[in-house]
Amino acid sequence: MAIEIPEGSGRAKLRGVLDALGKLGGMRFEFATVTAPLPSIRVKVDNCPIELDADDLVICEHLTQHKRTASINGGAPVEIEYEASLSAGDRVVVASINDGQLYVVIDRIGGG
């Protein structure tokens, strides 16, 4: 099934694609705002009256503090530590699973 990309702003196009993907996979995608950073993260989903806390959320690894091993051009491997990258006020994309019982914070987004 092809996904049609709607006309309009970048945000409108992203919303259209996420809505189409959600219908295909049984998930619902939403935009949200981080109201408190990790480790006691809180997120306010657009058009939802309550804030979600850490117990309601799964955060994708690339947004958390974590370590990875890398090498450049076959050189000796080095360990790189990444800082948590979510701050209060950041806009994010979340996926609602199990009728809103759990939300996955997928990525930070730019723009309003």
PDB file of N, CA and C in Angstrom:
ATOM      1  N   MET A   1       0.851  -1.185   0.000  1.00  0.00           N
ATOM      2  CA  MET A   1       0.000   0.000   0.000  1.00  0.00           C
ATOM      3  C   MET A   1       0.889   1.237   0.000  1.00  0.00           C
ATOM      4  N   ALA A   2       0.668   2.116  -0.949  1.00  0.00           N
ATOM      5  CA  ALA A   2       1.452   3.340  -1.050  1.00  0.00           C
ATOM      6  C   ALA A   2       0.928   4.380  -0.065  1.00  0.00           C
ATOM      7  N   ILE A   3       1.857   5.144   0.472  1.00  0.00           N
ATOM      8  CA  ILE A   3       1.491   6.222   1.391  1.00  0.00           C
ATOM      9  C   ILE A   3       1.501   7.527   0.616  1.00  0.00           C
ATOM     10  N   GLU A   4       0.374   8.226   0.611  1.00  0.00           N
ATOM     11  CA  GLU A   4       0.301   9.508  -0.065  1.00  0.00           C
ATOM     12  C   GLU A   4       0.761  10.603   0.881  1.00  0.00           C
ATOM     13  N   ILE A   5       1.648  11.453   0.393  1.00  0.00           N
ATOM     14  CA  ILE A   5       2.151  12.567   1.196  1.00  0.00           C
ATOM     15  C   ILE A   5       1.275  13.784   0.918  1.00  0.00           C
ATOM     16  N   PRO A   6       0.679  14.356   1.970  1.00  0.00           N
ATOM     17  CA  PRO A   6      -0.219  15.493   1.761  1.00  0.00           C
ATOM     18  C   PRO A   6       0.533  16.761   1.400  1.00  0.00           C
ATOM     19  N   GLU A   7      -0.196  17.728   0.882  1.00  0.00           N
ATOM     20  CA  GLU A   7       0.360  19.046   0.587  1.00  0.00           C
ATOM     21  C   GLU A   7       0.499  19.824   1.894  1.00  0.00           C
ATOM     22  N   GLY A   8       1.319  20.861   1.877  1.00  0.00           N
ATOM     23  CA  GLY A   8       1.411  21.748   3.030  1.00  0.00           C
ATOM     24  C   GLY A   8       2.812  21.827   3.585  1.00  0.00           C
ATOM     25  N   SER A   9       2.891  22.264   4.827  1.00  0.00           N
ATOM     26  CA  SER A   9       4.172  22.467   5.494  1.00  0.00           C
ATOM     27  C   SER A   9       4.864  21.139   5.768  1.00  0.00           C
ATOM     28  N   GLY A  10       6.120  21.211   6.159  1.00  0.00           N
ATOM     29  CA  GLY A  10       6.859  20.009   6.527  1.00  0.00           C
ATOM     30  C   GLY A  10       6.184  19.267   7.662  1.00  0.00           C
ATOM     31  N   ARG A  11       5.657  20.019   8.615  1.00  0.00           N
ATOM     32  CA  ARG A  11       4.968  19.393   9.743  1.00  0.00           C
ATOM     33  C   ARG A  11       3.712  18.660   9.274  1.00  0.00           C
ATOM     34  N   ALA A  12       2.958  19.273   8.364  1.00  0.00           N
ATOM     35  CA  ALA A  12       1.741  18.638   7.838  1.00  0.00           C
ATOM     36  C   ALA A  12       2.090  17.367   7.074  1.00  0.00           C
ATOM     37  N   LYS A  13       3.174  17.405   6.309  1.00  0.00           N
ATOM     38  CA  LYS A  13       3.606  16.223   5.562  1.00  0.00           C
ATOM     39  C   LYS A  13       4.019  15.107   6.514  1.00  0.00           C
ATOM     40  N   LEU A  14       4.800  15.449   7.553  1.00  0.00           N
ATOM     41  CA  LEU A  14       5.221  14.454   8.531  1.00  0.00           C
ATOM     42  C   LEU A  14       4.013  13.860   9.236  1.00  0.00           C
ATOM     43  N   ARG A  15       3.069  14.691   9.647  1.00  0.00           N
ATOM     44  CA  ARG A  15       1.853  14.217  10.315  1.00  0.00           C
ATOM     45  C   ARG A  15       1.097  13.239   9.415  1.00  0.00           C
ATOM     46  N   GLY A  16       0.977  13.549   8.117  1.00  0.00           N
ATOM     47  CA  GLY A  16       0.282  12.669   7.186  1.00  0.00           C
ATOM     48  C   GLY A  16       0.944  11.313   7.058  1.00  0.00           C
ATOM     49  N   VAL A  17       2.259  11.304   6.948  1.00  0.00           N
ATOM     50  CA  VAL A  17       2.993  10.042   6.835  1.00  0.00           C
ATOM     51  C   VAL A  17       2.865   9.237   8.127  1.00  0.00           C
ATOM     52  N   LEU A  18       3.021   9.882   9.278  1.00  0.00           N
ATOM     53  CA  LEU A  18       2.906   9.181  10.555  1.00  0.00           C
ATOM     54  C   LEU A  18       1.505   8.610  10.747  1.00  0.00           C
ATOM     55  N   ASP A  19       0.479   9.362  10.374  1.00  0.00           N
ATOM     56  CA  ASP A  19      -0.898   8.857  10.482  1.00  0.00           C
ATOM     57  C   ASP A  19      -1.082   7.614   9.616  1.00  0.00           C
ATOM     58  N   ALA A  20      -0.553   7.661   8.393  1.00  0.00           N
ATOM     59  CA  ALA A  20      -0.675   6.517   7.489  1.00  0.00           C
ATOM     60  C   ALA A  20       0.063   5.303   8.042  1.00  0.00           C
ATOM     61  N   LEU A  21       1.262   5.507   8.564  1.00  0.00           N
ATOM     62  CA  LEU A  21       2.026   4.400   9.148  1.00  0.00           C
ATOM     63  C   LEU A  21       1.313   3.821  10.360  1.00  0.00           C
ATOM     64  N   GLY A  22       0.722   4.657  11.174  1.00  0.00           N
ATOM     65  CA  GLY A  22       0.000   4.192  12.350  1.00  0.00           C
ATOM     66  C   GLY A  22      -1.174   3.314  11.980  1.00  0.00           C
ATOM     67  N   LYS A  23      -1.875   3.674  10.929  1.00  0.00           N
ATOM     68  CA  LYS A  23      -3.009   2.867  10.479  1.00  0.00           C
ATOM     69  C   LYS A  23      -2.549   1.509   9.981  1.00  0.00           C
ATOM     70  N   LEU A  24      -1.362   1.466   9.378  1.00  0.00           N
ATOM     71  CA  LEU A  24      -0.832   0.200   8.871  1.00  0.00           C
ATOM     72  C   LEU A  24      -0.354  -0.701  10.000  1.00  0.00           C
ATOM     73  N   GLY A  25       0.259  -0.124  11.031  1.00  0.00           N
ATOM     74  CA  GLY A  25       0.895  -0.926  12.071  1.00  0.00           C
ATOM     75  C   GLY A  25       0.169  -0.977  13.400  1.00  0.00           C
ATOM     76  N   GLY A  26      -1.000  -0.385  13.525  1.00  0.00           N
ATOM     77  CA  GLY A  26      -1.736  -0.439  14.771  1.00  0.00           C
ATOM     78  C   GLY A  26      -1.214   0.499  15.837  1.00  0.00           C
ATOM     79  N   MET A  27      -0.290   1.384  15.483  1.00  0.00           N
ATOM     80  CA  MET A  27       0.220   2.372  16.421  1.00  0.00           C
ATOM     81  C   MET A  27      -0.368   3.726  16.056  1.00  0.00           C
ATOM     82  N   ARG A  28      -0.312   4.608  17.019  1.00  0.00           N
ATOM     83  CA  ARG A  28      -0.762   5.974  16.770  1.00  0.00           C
ATOM     84  C   ARG A  28       0.420   6.889  17.052  1.00  0.00           C
ATOM     85  N   PHE A  29       0.759   7.739  16.115  1.00  0.00           N
ATOM     86  CA  PHE A  29       1.871   8.661  16.279  1.00  0.00           C
ATOM     87  C   PHE A  29       1.345  10.037  16.652  1.00  0.00           C
ATOM     88  N   GLU A  30       2.041  10.686  17.589  1.00  0.00           N
ATOM     89  CA  GLU A  30       1.628  11.998  18.080  1.00  0.00           C
ATOM     90  C   GLU A  30       2.855  12.893  18.220  1.00  0.00           C
ATOM     91  N   PHE A  31       2.610  14.184  18.252  1.00  0.00           N
ATOM     92  CA  PHE A  31       3.641  15.144  18.619  1.00  0.00           C
ATOM     93  C   PHE A  31       3.484  15.435  20.103  1.00  0.00           C
ATOM     94  N   ALA A  32       4.602  15.737  20.769  1.00  0.00           N
ATOM     95  CA  ALA A  32       4.574  16.000  22.209  1.00  0.00           C
ATOM     96  C   ALA A  32       5.692  16.975  22.562  1.00  0.00           C
ATOM     97  N   THR A  33       5.640  17.462  23.803  1.00  0.00           N
ATOM     98  CA  THR A  33       6.661  18.374  24.320  1.00  0.00           C
ATOM     99  C   THR A  33       7.241  17.791  25.598  1.00  0.00           C
ATOM    100  N   VAL A  34       8.568  17.782  25.696  1.00  0.00           N
ATOM    101  CA  VAL A  34       9.237  17.340  26.916  1.00  0.00           C
ATOM    102  C   VAL A  34       9.075  18.445  27.951  1.00  0.00           C
ATOM    103  N   THR A  35       8.526  18.107  29.122  1.00  0.00           N
ATOM    104  CA  THR A  35       8.337  19.112  30.174  1.00  0.00           C
ATOM    105  C   THR A  35       9.370  18.969  31.288  1.00  0.00           C
ATOM    106  N   ALA A  36      10.016  17.807  31.383  1.00  0.00           N
ATOM    107  CA  ALA A  36      11.106  17.588  32.336  1.00  0.00           C
ATOM    108  C   ALA A  36      12.072  16.589  31.691  1.00  0.00           C
ATOM    109  N   PRO A  37      13.387  16.848  31.783  1.00  0.00           N
ATOM    110  CA  PRO A  37      14.364  15.996  31.112  1.00  0.00           C
ATOM    111  C   PRO A  37      14.612  14.677  31.849  1.00  0.00           C
ATOM    112  N   LEU A  38      15.370  13.791  31.202  1.00  0.00           N
ATOM    113  CA  LEU A  38      15.810  12.554  31.842  1.00  0.00           C
ATOM    114  C   LEU A  38      16.651  12.890  33.065  1.00  0.00           C
ATOM    115  N   PRO A  39      16.690  12.092  34.102  1.00  0.00           N
ATOM    116  CA  PRO A  39      16.106  10.763  34.214  1.00  0.00           C
ATOM    117  C   PRO A  39      14.645  10.767  34.667  1.00  0.00           C
ATOM    118  N   SER A  40      14.147  11.875  35.168  1.00  0.00           N
ATOM    119  CA  SER A  40      12.740  11.941  35.629  1.00  0.00           C
ATOM    120  C   SER A  40      11.877  12.563  34.545  1.00  0.00           C
ATOM    121  N   ILE A  41      11.987  12.044  33.357  1.00  0.00           N
ATOM    122  CA  ILE A  41      11.345  12.647  32.186  1.00  0.00           C
ATOM    123  C   ILE A  41       9.833  12.720  32.336  1.00  0.00           C
ATOM    124  N   ARG A  42       9.296  13.822  31.810  1.00  0.00           N
ATOM    125  CA  ARG A  42       7.846  14.006  31.713  1.00  0.00           C
ATOM    126  C   ARG A  42       7.575  14.561  30.317  1.00  0.00           C
ATOM    127  N   VAL A  43       6.481  14.098  29.719  1.00  0.00           N
ATOM    128  CA  VAL A  43       6.138  14.485  28.356  1.00  0.00           C
ATOM    129  C   VAL A  43       4.658  14.838  28.305  1.00  0.00           C
ATOM    130  N   LYS A  44       4.333  15.929  27.631  1.00  0.00           N
ATOM    131  CA  LYS A  44       2.941  16.362  27.423  1.00  0.00           C
ATOM    132  C   LYS A  44       2.609  16.138  25.954  1.00  0.00           C
ATOM    133  N   VAL A  45       1.745  15.146  25.696  1.00  0.00           N
ATOM    134  CA  VAL A  45       1.309  14.842  24.339  1.00  0.00           C
ATOM    135  C   VAL A  45       0.291  15.897  23.915  1.00  0.00           C
ATOM    136  N   ASP A  46       0.440  16.404  22.688  1.00  0.00           N
ATOM    137  CA  ASP A  46      -0.507  17.397  22.172  1.00  0.00           C
ATOM    138  C   ASP A  46      -1.930  16.855  22.281  1.00  0.00           C
ATOM    139  N   ASN A  47      -2.847  17.710  22.662  1.00  0.00           N
ATOM    140  CA  ASN A  47      -4.278  17.376  22.763  1.00  0.00           C
ATOM    141  C   ASN A  47      -4.570  16.280  23.783  1.00  0.00           C
ATOM    142  N   CYS A  48      -3.695  16.112  24.763  1.00  0.00           N
ATOM    143  CA  CYS A  48      -3.920  15.142  25.842  1.00  0.00           C
ATOM    144  C   CYS A  48      -3.884  15.923  27.163  1.00  0.00           C
ATOM    145  N   PRO A  49      -4.856  15.739  28.039  1.00  0.00           N
ATOM    146  CA  PRO A  49      -4.947  16.571  29.237  1.00  0.00           C
ATOM    147  C   PRO A  49      -3.912  16.275  30.319  1.00  0.00           C
ATOM    148  N   ILE A  50      -3.227  15.124  30.259  1.00  0.00           N
ATOM    149  CA  ILE A  50      -2.286  14.791  31.331  1.00  0.00           C
ATOM    150  C   ILE A  50      -0.861  14.694  30.798  1.00  0.00           C
ATOM    151  N   GLU A  51       0.106  14.832  31.713  1.00  0.00           N
ATOM    152  CA  GLU A  51       1.504  14.613  31.376  1.00  0.00           C
ATOM    153  C   GLU A  51       1.847  13.157  31.644  1.00  0.00           C
ATOM    154  N   LEU A  52       2.696  12.606  30.812  1.00  0.00           N
ATOM    155  CA  LEU A  52       3.178  11.244  31.006  1.00  0.00           C
ATOM    156  C   LEU A  52       4.499  11.303  31.750  1.00  0.00           C
ATOM    157  N   ASP A  53       4.717  10.334  32.658  1.00  0.00           N
ATOM    158  CA  ASP A  53       6.006  10.300  33.362  1.00  0.00           C
ATOM    159  C   ASP A  53       6.801   9.084  32.901  1.00  0.00           C
ATOM    160  N   ALA A  54       7.965   8.881  33.498  1.00  0.00           N
ATOM    161  CA  ALA A  54       8.895   7.836  33.072  1.00  0.00           C
ATOM    162  C   ALA A  54       8.256   6.448  33.046  1.00  0.00           C
ATOM    163  N   ASP A  55       7.307   6.173  33.931  1.00  0.00           N
ATOM    164  CA  ASP A  55       6.648   4.857  33.953  1.00  0.00           C
ATOM    165  C   ASP A  55       5.773   4.615  32.725  1.00  0.00           C
ATOM    166  N   ASP A  56       5.362   5.686  32.049  1.00  0.00           N
ATOM    167  CA  ASP A  56       4.487   5.576  30.877  1.00  0.00           C
ATOM    168  C   ASP A  56       5.272   5.575  29.566  1.00  0.00           C
ATOM    169  N   LEU A  57       6.602   5.760  29.653  1.00  0.00           N
ATOM    170  CA  LEU A  57       7.407   6.034  28.468  1.00  0.00           C
ATOM    171  C   LEU A  57       8.530   5.028  28.266  1.00  0.00           C
ATOM    172  N   VAL A  58       8.817   4.761  26.998  1.00  0.00           N
ATOM    173  CA  VAL A  58      10.038   4.066  26.589  1.00  0.00           C
ATOM    174  C   VAL A  58      10.789   5.070  25.737  1.00  0.00           C
ATOM    175  N   ILE A  59      12.054   5.297  26.058  1.00  0.00           N
ATOM    176  CA  ILE A  59      12.854   6.282  25.341  1.00  0.00           C
ATOM    177  C   ILE A  59      13.848   5.555  24.440  1.00  0.00           C
ATOM    178  N   CYS A  60      13.871   5.893  23.162  1.00  0.00           N
ATOM    179  CA  CYS A  60      14.837   5.282  22.250  1.00  0.00           C
ATOM    180  C   CYS A  60      16.257   5.598  22.714  1.00  0.00           C
ATOM    181  N   GLU A  61      17.145   4.604  22.585  1.00  0.00           N
ATOM    182  CA  GLU A  61      18.503   4.703  23.134  1.00  0.00           C
ATOM    183  C   GLU A  61      19.251   5.951  22.675  1.00  0.00           C
ATOM    184  N   HIS A  62      19.115   6.328  21.418  1.00  0.00           N
ATOM    185  CA  HIS A  62      19.908   7.458  20.910  1.00  0.00           C
ATOM    186  C   HIS A  62      19.566   8.781  21.597  1.00  0.00           C
ATOM    187  N   LEU A  63      18.478   8.822  22.360  1.00  0.00           N
ATOM    188  CA  LEU A  63      18.098  10.027  23.101  1.00  0.00           C
ATOM    189  C   LEU A  63      18.554   9.991  24.557  1.00  0.00           C
ATOM    190  N   THR A  64      19.122   8.875  24.980  1.00  0.00           N
ATOM    191  CA  THR A  64      19.550   8.695  26.372  1.00  0.00           C
ATOM    192  C   THR A  64      21.072   8.743  26.478  1.00  0.00           C
ATOM    193  N   GLN A  65      21.560   8.813  27.705  1.00  0.00           N
ATOM    194  CA  GLN A  65      23.005   8.703  27.923  1.00  0.00           C
ATOM    195  C   GLN A  65      23.386   7.249  27.690  1.00  0.00           C
ATOM    196  N   HIS A  66      24.360   7.039  26.800  1.00  0.00           N
ATOM    197  CA  HIS A  66      24.782   5.678  26.492  1.00  0.00           C
ATOM    198  C   HIS A  66      26.192   5.700  25.903  1.00  0.00           C
ATOM    199  N   LYS A  67      26.794   4.533  25.822  1.00  0.00           N
ATOM    200  CA  LYS A  67      28.140   4.403  25.266  1.00  0.00           C
ATOM    201  C   LYS A  67      28.092   3.508  24.040  1.00  0.00           C
ATOM    202  N   ARG A  68      28.967   3.828  23.079  1.00  0.00           N
ATOM    203  CA  ARG A  68      29.130   3.015  21.879  1.00  0.00           C
ATOM    204  C   ARG A  68      30.608   2.932  21.537  1.00  0.00           C
ATOM    205  N   THR A  69      30.971   1.851  20.889  1.00  0.00           N
ATOM    206  CA  THR A  69      32.337   1.676  20.425  1.00  0.00           C
ATOM    207  C   THR A  69      32.373   1.983  18.936  1.00  0.00           C
ATOM    208  N   ALA A  70      33.378   2.750  18.516  1.00  0.00           N
ATOM    209  CA  ALA A  70      33.502   3.125  17.109  1.00  0.00           C
ATOM    210  C   ALA A  70      34.971   3.165  16.720  1.00  0.00           C
ATOM    211  N   SER A  71      35.218   3.026  15.424  1.00  0.00           N
ATOM    212  CA  SER A  71      36.568   3.214  14.900  1.00  0.00           C
ATOM    213  C   SER A  71      36.450   4.011  13.609  1.00  0.00           C
ATOM    214  N   ILE A  72      37.499   4.754  13.299  1.00  0.00           N
ATOM    215  CA  ILE A  72      37.502   5.583  12.099  1.00  0.00           C
ATOM    216  C   ILE A  72      38.549   5.034  11.140  1.00  0.00           C
ATOM    217  N   ASN A  73      38.114   4.740   9.924  1.00  0.00           N
ATOM    218  CA  ASN A  73      39.001   4.222   8.874  1.00  0.00           C
ATOM    219  C   ASN A  73      39.820   3.023   9.337  1.00  0.00           C
ATOM    220  N   GLY A  74      39.194   2.116  10.078  1.00  0.00           N
ATOM    221  CA  GLY A  74      39.877   0.899  10.508  1.00  0.00           C
ATOM    222  C   GLY A  74      40.837   1.093  11.671  1.00  0.00           C
ATOM    223  N   GLY A  75      40.848   2.274  12.278  1.00  0.00           N
ATOM    224  CA  GLY A  75      41.729   2.530  13.416  1.00  0.00           C
ATOM    225  C   GLY A  75      41.281   1.771  14.647  1.00  0.00           C
ATOM    226  N   ALA A  76      42.028   1.949  15.711  1.00  0.00           N
ATOM    227  CA  ALA A  76      41.707   1.271  16.972  1.00  0.00           C
ATOM    228  C   ALA A  76      40.336   1.707  17.471  1.00  0.00           C
ATOM    229  N   PRO A  77      39.534   0.761  17.935  1.00  0.00           N
ATOM    230  CA  PRO A  77      38.216   1.113  18.467  1.00  0.00           C
ATOM    231  C   PRO A  77      38.334   2.003  19.708  1.00  0.00           C
ATOM    232  N   VAL A  78      37.445   2.959  19.795  1.00  0.00           N
ATOM    233  CA  VAL A  78      37.382   3.824  20.974  1.00  0.00           C
ATOM    234  C   VAL A  78      35.943   3.841  21.474  1.00  0.00           C
ATOM    235  N   GLU A  79      35.783   4.073  22.752  1.00  0.00           N
ATOM    236  CA  GLU A  79      34.449   4.157  23.329  1.00  0.00           C
ATOM    237  C   GLU A  79      34.009   5.610  23.358  1.00  0.00           C
ATOM    238  N   ILE A  80      32.808   5.861  22.872  1.00  0.00           N
ATOM    239  CA  ILE A  80      32.244   7.208  22.846  1.00  0.00           C
ATOM    240  C   ILE A  80      31.041   7.220  23.770  1.00  0.00           C
ATOM    241  N   GLU A  81      30.993   8.207  24.660  1.00  0.00           N
ATOM    242  CA  GLU A  81      29.839   8.333  25.549  1.00  0.00           C
ATOM    243  C   GLU A  81      28.977   9.485  25.069  1.00  0.00           C
ATOM    244  N   TYR A  82      27.697   9.185  24.857  1.00  0.00           N
ATOM    245  CA  TYR A  82      26.730  10.179  24.420  1.00  0.00           C
ATOM    246  C   TYR A  82      25.927  10.645  25.622  1.00  0.00           C
ATOM    247  N   GLU A  83      25.704  11.945  25.692  1.00  0.00           N
ATOM    248  CA  GLU A  83      24.886  12.526  26.759  1.00  0.00           C
ATOM    249  C   GLU A  83      23.403  12.364  26.413  1.00  0.00           C
ATOM    250  N   ALA A  84      22.550  12.379  27.418  1.00  0.00           N
ATOM    251  CA  ALA A  84      21.111  12.403  27.181  1.00  0.00           C
ATOM    252  C   ALA A  84      20.804  13.671  26.391  1.00  0.00           C
ATOM    253  N   SER A  85      19.957  13.564  25.386  1.00  0.00           N
ATOM    254  CA  SER A  85      19.777  14.708  24.498  1.00  0.00           C
ATOM    255  C   SER A  85      18.365  15.288  24.498  1.00  0.00           C
ATOM    256  N   LEU A  86      17.615  15.050  25.552  1.00  0.00           N
ATOM    257  CA  LEU A  86      16.285  15.649  25.647  1.00  0.00           C
ATOM    258  C   LEU A  86      16.267  16.698  26.749  1.00  0.00           C
ATOM    259  N   SER A  87      15.756  17.861  26.408  1.00  0.00           N
ATOM    260  CA  SER A  87      15.656  18.960  27.364  1.00  0.00           C
ATOM    261  C   SER A  87      14.209  19.420  27.443  1.00  0.00           C
ATOM    262  N   ALA A  88      13.861  20.066  28.541  1.00  0.00           N
ATOM    263  CA  ALA A  88      12.523  20.636  28.670  1.00  0.00           C
ATOM    264  C   ALA A  88      12.287  21.593  27.506  1.00  0.00           C
ATOM    265  N   GLY A  89      11.120  21.495  26.906  1.00  0.00           N
ATOM    266  CA  GLY A  89      10.772  22.334  25.770  1.00  0.00           C
ATOM    267  C   GLY A  89      10.996  21.677  24.417  1.00  0.00           C
ATOM    268  N   ASP A  90      11.765  20.592  24.375  1.00  0.00           N
ATOM    269  CA  ASP A  90      11.998  19.893  23.114  1.00  0.00           C
ATOM    270  C   ASP A  90      10.696  19.304  22.590  1.00  0.00           C
ATOM    271  N   ARG A  91      10.509  19.387  21.274  1.00  0.00           N
ATOM    272  CA  ARG A  91       9.372  18.742  20.613  1.00  0.00           C
ATOM    273  C   ARG A  91       9.818  17.356  20.176  1.00  0.00           C
ATOM    274  N   VAL A  92       8.963  16.351  20.370  1.00  0.00           N
ATOM    275  CA  VAL A  92       9.291  14.971  20.050  1.00  0.00           C
ATOM    276  C   VAL A  92       8.131  14.300  19.326  1.00  0.00           C
ATOM    277  N   VAL A  93       8.446  13.183  18.660  1.00  0.00           N
ATOM    278  CA  VAL A  93       7.439  12.309  18.079  1.00  0.00           C
ATOM    279  C   VAL A  93       7.330  11.111  18.999  1.00  0.00           C
ATOM    280  N   VAL A  94       6.106  10.759  19.379  1.00  0.00           N
ATOM    281  CA  VAL A  94       5.877   9.586  20.221  1.00  0.00           C
ATOM    282  C   VAL A  94       4.914   8.641  19.510  1.00  0.00           C
ATOM    283  N   ALA A  95       5.062   7.352  19.787  1.00  0.00           N
ATOM    284  CA  ALA A  95       4.146   6.340  19.263  1.00  0.00           C
ATOM    285  C   ALA A  95       3.357   5.780  20.427  1.00  0.00           C
ATOM    286  N   SER A  96       2.045   5.786  20.296  1.00  0.00           N
ATOM    287  CA  SER A  96       1.157   5.237  21.316  1.00  0.00           C
ATOM    288  C   SER A  96       0.933   3.760  21.019  1.00  0.00           C
ATOM    289  N   ILE A  97       1.117   2.933  22.034  1.00  0.00           N
ATOM    290  CA  ILE A  97       0.957   1.492  21.894  1.00  0.00           C
ATOM    291  C   ILE A  97      -0.074   1.027  22.916  1.00  0.00           C
ATOM    292  N   ASN A  98      -0.804  -0.022  22.591  1.00  0.00           N
ATOM    293  CA  ASN A  98      -1.815  -0.601  23.488  1.00  0.00           C
ATOM    294  C   ASN A  98      -2.838   0.440  23.915  1.00  0.00           C
ATOM    295  N   ASP A  99      -3.396   1.142  22.940  1.00  0.00           N
ATOM    296  CA  ASP A  99      -4.430   2.151  23.205  1.00  0.00           C
ATOM    297  C   ASP A  99      -3.999   3.195  24.239  1.00  0.00           C
ATOM    298  N   GLY A 100      -2.758   3.645  24.123  1.00  0.00           N
ATOM    299  CA  GLY A 100      -2.275   4.707  24.994  1.00  0.00           C
ATOM    300  C   GLY A 100      -1.767   4.255  26.349  1.00  0.00           C
ATOM    301  N   GLN A 101      -1.584   2.967  26.553  1.00  0.00           N
ATOM    302  CA  GLN A 101      -1.060   2.470  27.823  1.00  0.00           C
ATOM    303  C   GLN A 101       0.452   2.657  27.915  1.00  0.00           C
ATOM    304  N   LEU A 102       1.120   2.774  26.773  1.00  0.00           N
ATOM    305  CA  LEU A 102       2.565   2.955  26.723  1.00  0.00           C
ATOM    306  C   LEU A 102       2.897   3.844  25.539  1.00  0.00           C
ATOM    307  N   TYR A 103       3.872   4.735  25.721  1.00  0.00           N
ATOM    308  CA  TYR A 103       4.313   5.621  24.650  1.00  0.00           C
ATOM    309  C   TYR A 103       5.806   5.429  24.442  1.00  0.00           C
ATOM    310  N   VAL A 104       6.230   5.412  23.171  1.00  0.00           N
ATOM    311  CA  VAL A 104       7.644   5.328  22.835  1.00  0.00           C
ATOM    312  C   VAL A 104       8.060   6.689  22.293  1.00  0.00           C
ATOM    313  N   VAL A 105       9.076   7.299  22.919  1.00  0.00           N
ATOM    314  CA  VAL A 105       9.617   8.560  22.417  1.00  0.00           C
ATOM    315  C   VAL A 105      10.613   8.179  21.326  1.00  0.00           C
ATOM    316  N   ILE A 106      10.263   8.504  20.084  1.00  0.00           N
ATOM    317  CA  ILE A 106      11.033   8.058  18.930  1.00  0.00           C
ATOM    318  C   ILE A 106      12.185   8.987  18.605  1.00  0.00           C
ATOM    319  N   ASP A 107      11.906  10.292  18.533  1.00  0.00           N
ATOM    320  CA  ASP A 107      12.969  11.230  18.168  1.00  0.00           C
ATOM    321  C   ASP A 107      12.549  12.653  18.475  1.00  0.00           C
ATOM    322  N   ARG A 108      13.553  13.507  18.542  1.00  0.00           N
ATOM    323  CA  ARG A 108      13.323  14.944  18.704  1.00  0.00           C
ATOM    324  C   ARG A 108      13.064  15.512  17.305  1.00  0.00           C
ATOM    325  N   ILE A 109      12.201  16.516  17.214  1.00  0.00           N
ATOM    326  CA  ILE A 109      11.910  17.142  15.928  1.00  0.00           C
ATOM    327  C   ILE A 109      12.203  18.620  16.018  1.00  0.00           C
ATOM    328  N   GLY A 110      12.445  19.220  14.881  1.00  0.00           N
ATOM    329  CA  GLY A 110      12.692  20.657  14.818  1.00  0.00           C
ATOM    330  C   GLY A 110      11.428  21.404  14.460  1.00  0.00           C
ATOM    331  N   GLY A 111      11.461  22.682  14.590  1.00  0.00           N
ATOM    332  CA  GLY A 111      10.324  23.514  14.192  1.00  0.00           C
ATOM    333  C   GLY A 111       9.229  23.501  15.239  1.00  0.00           C
ATOM    334  N   GLY A 112       8.197  24.306  15.005  1.00  0.00           N
ATOM    335  CA  GLY A 112       7.086  24.412  15.934  1.00  0.00           C
ATOM    336  C   GLY A 112       6.052  23.477  15.571  1.00  0.00           C
TER     337      GLY A 112
END
